[in-house]
Amino acid sequence: MSGMLNVYHARGEQPVTVSLTCEAGAARVAVRDRGLGIPPDEQPAIWDRFYRVPGAEHQYGSGIGLGLGLYIAREIVERHGGSVALASGPGEGSTFTFTLPLATSPDASEA
């Protein structure tokens, strides 16, 4: 099973691609943007509570972020037995990925 969905930022300028693949008993969702990217030295900290990348400009909305979104997303995914990942580079955009184990039915183990 796989799928892809293109959505756009509020201004409609930059596409965001969302894809879903299922393999080896897990579902993998990837969200790719074409934004500014995240410098390698900042990447490990983006999953921390209240962390905001220094100098990152807000593209829309109120311009105020609390630095909780990625932290909360990671907590939810990990508490369900999954994992999160980031692939990004300056000027290349970012791909945020989370993987979750697929549920198995009791009948599947008997087959």
Protein backbone atom coordinates (compact mmCIF):
# COMPACT_ATOMS: atom_id res chain seq x y z
CA MET A 1 0.00 0.00 0.00
CA SER A 2 1.30 3.42 -0.82
CA GLY A 3 -0.14 6.82 -1.48
CA MET A 4 0.86 10.40 -2.01
CA LEU A 5 -0.96 13.65 -1.43
CA ASN A 6 0.12 17.14 -2.38
CA VAL A 7 -1.03 20.00 -0.19
CA TYR A 8 0.03 23.62 -0.20
CA HIS A 9 1.05 26.11 2.46
CA ALA A 10 -1.60 28.68 3.32
CA ARG A 11 -0.22 31.08 0.72
CA GLY A 12 -0.23 28.39 -1.97
CA GLU A 13 3.39 29.08 -2.90
CA GLN A 14 5.25 25.98 -1.77
CA PRO A 15 3.90 22.43 -2.07
CA VAL A 16 4.07 19.99 0.80
CA THR A 17 4.10 16.32 -0.21
CA VAL A 18 2.68 13.69 2.13
CA SER A 19 3.34 10.03 1.36
CA LEU A 20 2.36 6.76 3.01
CA THR A 21 4.05 3.41 2.52
CA CYS A 22 3.52 0.11 4.31
CA GLU A 23 6.32 -2.41 4.52
CA ALA A 24 7.71 -4.98 6.94
CA GLY A 25 4.78 -4.66 9.35
CA ALA A 26 5.01 -0.88 9.66
CA ALA A 27 3.38 2.19 8.17
CA ARG A 28 5.72 5.04 7.20
CA VAL A 29 4.44 8.58 6.67
CA ALA A 30 6.74 11.20 5.17
CA VAL A 31 5.98 14.92 4.99
CA ARG A 32 8.28 16.88 2.66
CA ASP A 33 8.43 20.63 2.26
CA ARG A 34 10.56 22.84 0.06
CA GLY A 35 11.31 25.41 2.69
CA LEU A 36 14.58 26.81 3.94
CA GLY A 37 15.79 23.53 5.45
CA ILE A 38 17.32 22.99 8.87
CA PRO A 39 21.09 23.25 9.46
CA PRO A 40 22.68 19.91 10.46
CA ASP A 41 23.86 21.22 13.84
CA GLU A 42 20.28 22.19 14.77
CA GLN A 43 18.63 18.94 13.73
CA PRO A 44 19.15 16.83 16.89
CA ALA A 45 17.52 19.51 19.05
CA ILE A 46 14.34 20.03 17.01
CA TRP A 47 12.60 17.18 18.85
CA ASP A 48 13.28 18.80 22.25
CA ARG A 49 10.53 20.49 24.22
CA PHE A 50 10.36 24.27 23.67
CA TYR A 51 13.14 24.23 21.05
CA ARG A 52 12.95 26.65 18.15
CA VAL A 53 15.60 26.88 15.45
CA PRO A 54 17.45 30.18 15.98
CA GLY A 55 16.95 32.67 13.16
CA ALA A 56 14.14 30.71 11.51
CA GLU A 57 11.63 33.14 10.10
CA HIS A 58 7.96 32.38 10.40
CA GLN A 59 6.36 32.06 6.99
CA TYR A 60 2.74 32.70 7.96
CA GLY A 61 0.37 33.03 10.87
CA SER A 62 1.07 34.86 14.09
CA GLY A 63 4.82 34.24 13.93
CA ILE A 64 4.76 32.80 17.43
CA GLY A 65 5.65 29.18 18.01
CA LEU A 66 6.09 27.49 21.35
CA GLY A 67 8.48 24.79 20.20
CA LEU A 68 6.12 22.02 21.27
CA GLY A 69 4.75 20.59 18.01
CA LEU A 70 7.59 18.24 17.08
CA TYR A 71 8.16 17.28 20.71
CA ILE A 72 4.51 16.26 21.10
CA ALA A 73 4.49 14.43 17.76
CA ARG A 74 7.59 12.42 18.76
CA GLU A 75 6.08 11.55 22.15
CA ILE A 76 2.86 10.25 20.59
CA VAL A 77 4.67 8.21 17.93
CA GLU A 78 7.18 6.70 20.36
CA ARG A 79 4.47 5.80 22.90
CA HIS A 80 2.83 3.78 20.13
CA GLY A 81 6.05 1.89 19.41
CA GLY A 82 7.14 4.01 16.47
CA SER A 83 9.99 6.30 15.56
CA VAL A 84 10.57 9.71 13.98
CA ALA A 85 13.28 10.95 11.64
CA LEU A 86 14.35 14.08 9.79
CA ALA A 87 16.25 14.56 6.55
CA SER A 88 17.06 18.20 5.84
CA GLY A 89 19.69 20.57 4.63
CA PRO A 90 19.95 24.34 4.15
CA GLY A 91 18.16 25.34 0.96
CA GLU A 92 16.86 21.80 0.39
CA GLY A 93 13.70 21.73 2.46
CA SER A 94 12.91 19.06 5.03
CA THR A 95 11.38 15.60 5.14
CA PHE A 96 9.85 14.60 8.47
CA THR A 97 9.10 10.89 8.73
CA PHE A 98 7.32 8.79 11.30
CA THR A 99 6.95 5.04 11.34
CA LEU A 100 4.37 3.08 13.34
CA PRO A 101 3.96 -0.68 13.69
CA LEU A 102 0.85 -2.05 12.02
CA ALA A 103 -1.63 -3.83 14.24
CA THR A 104 -1.96 -7.54 13.72
CA SER A 105 -5.18 -9.39 14.22
CA PRO A 106 -5.21 -12.46 16.46
CA ASP A 107 -6.27 -14.53 13.41
CA ALA A 108 -3.16 -13.47 11.46
CA SER A 109 -0.85 -15.32 13.86
CA GLU A 110 -2.77 -18.57 13.29
CA ALA A 111 -2.46 -18.51 9.51
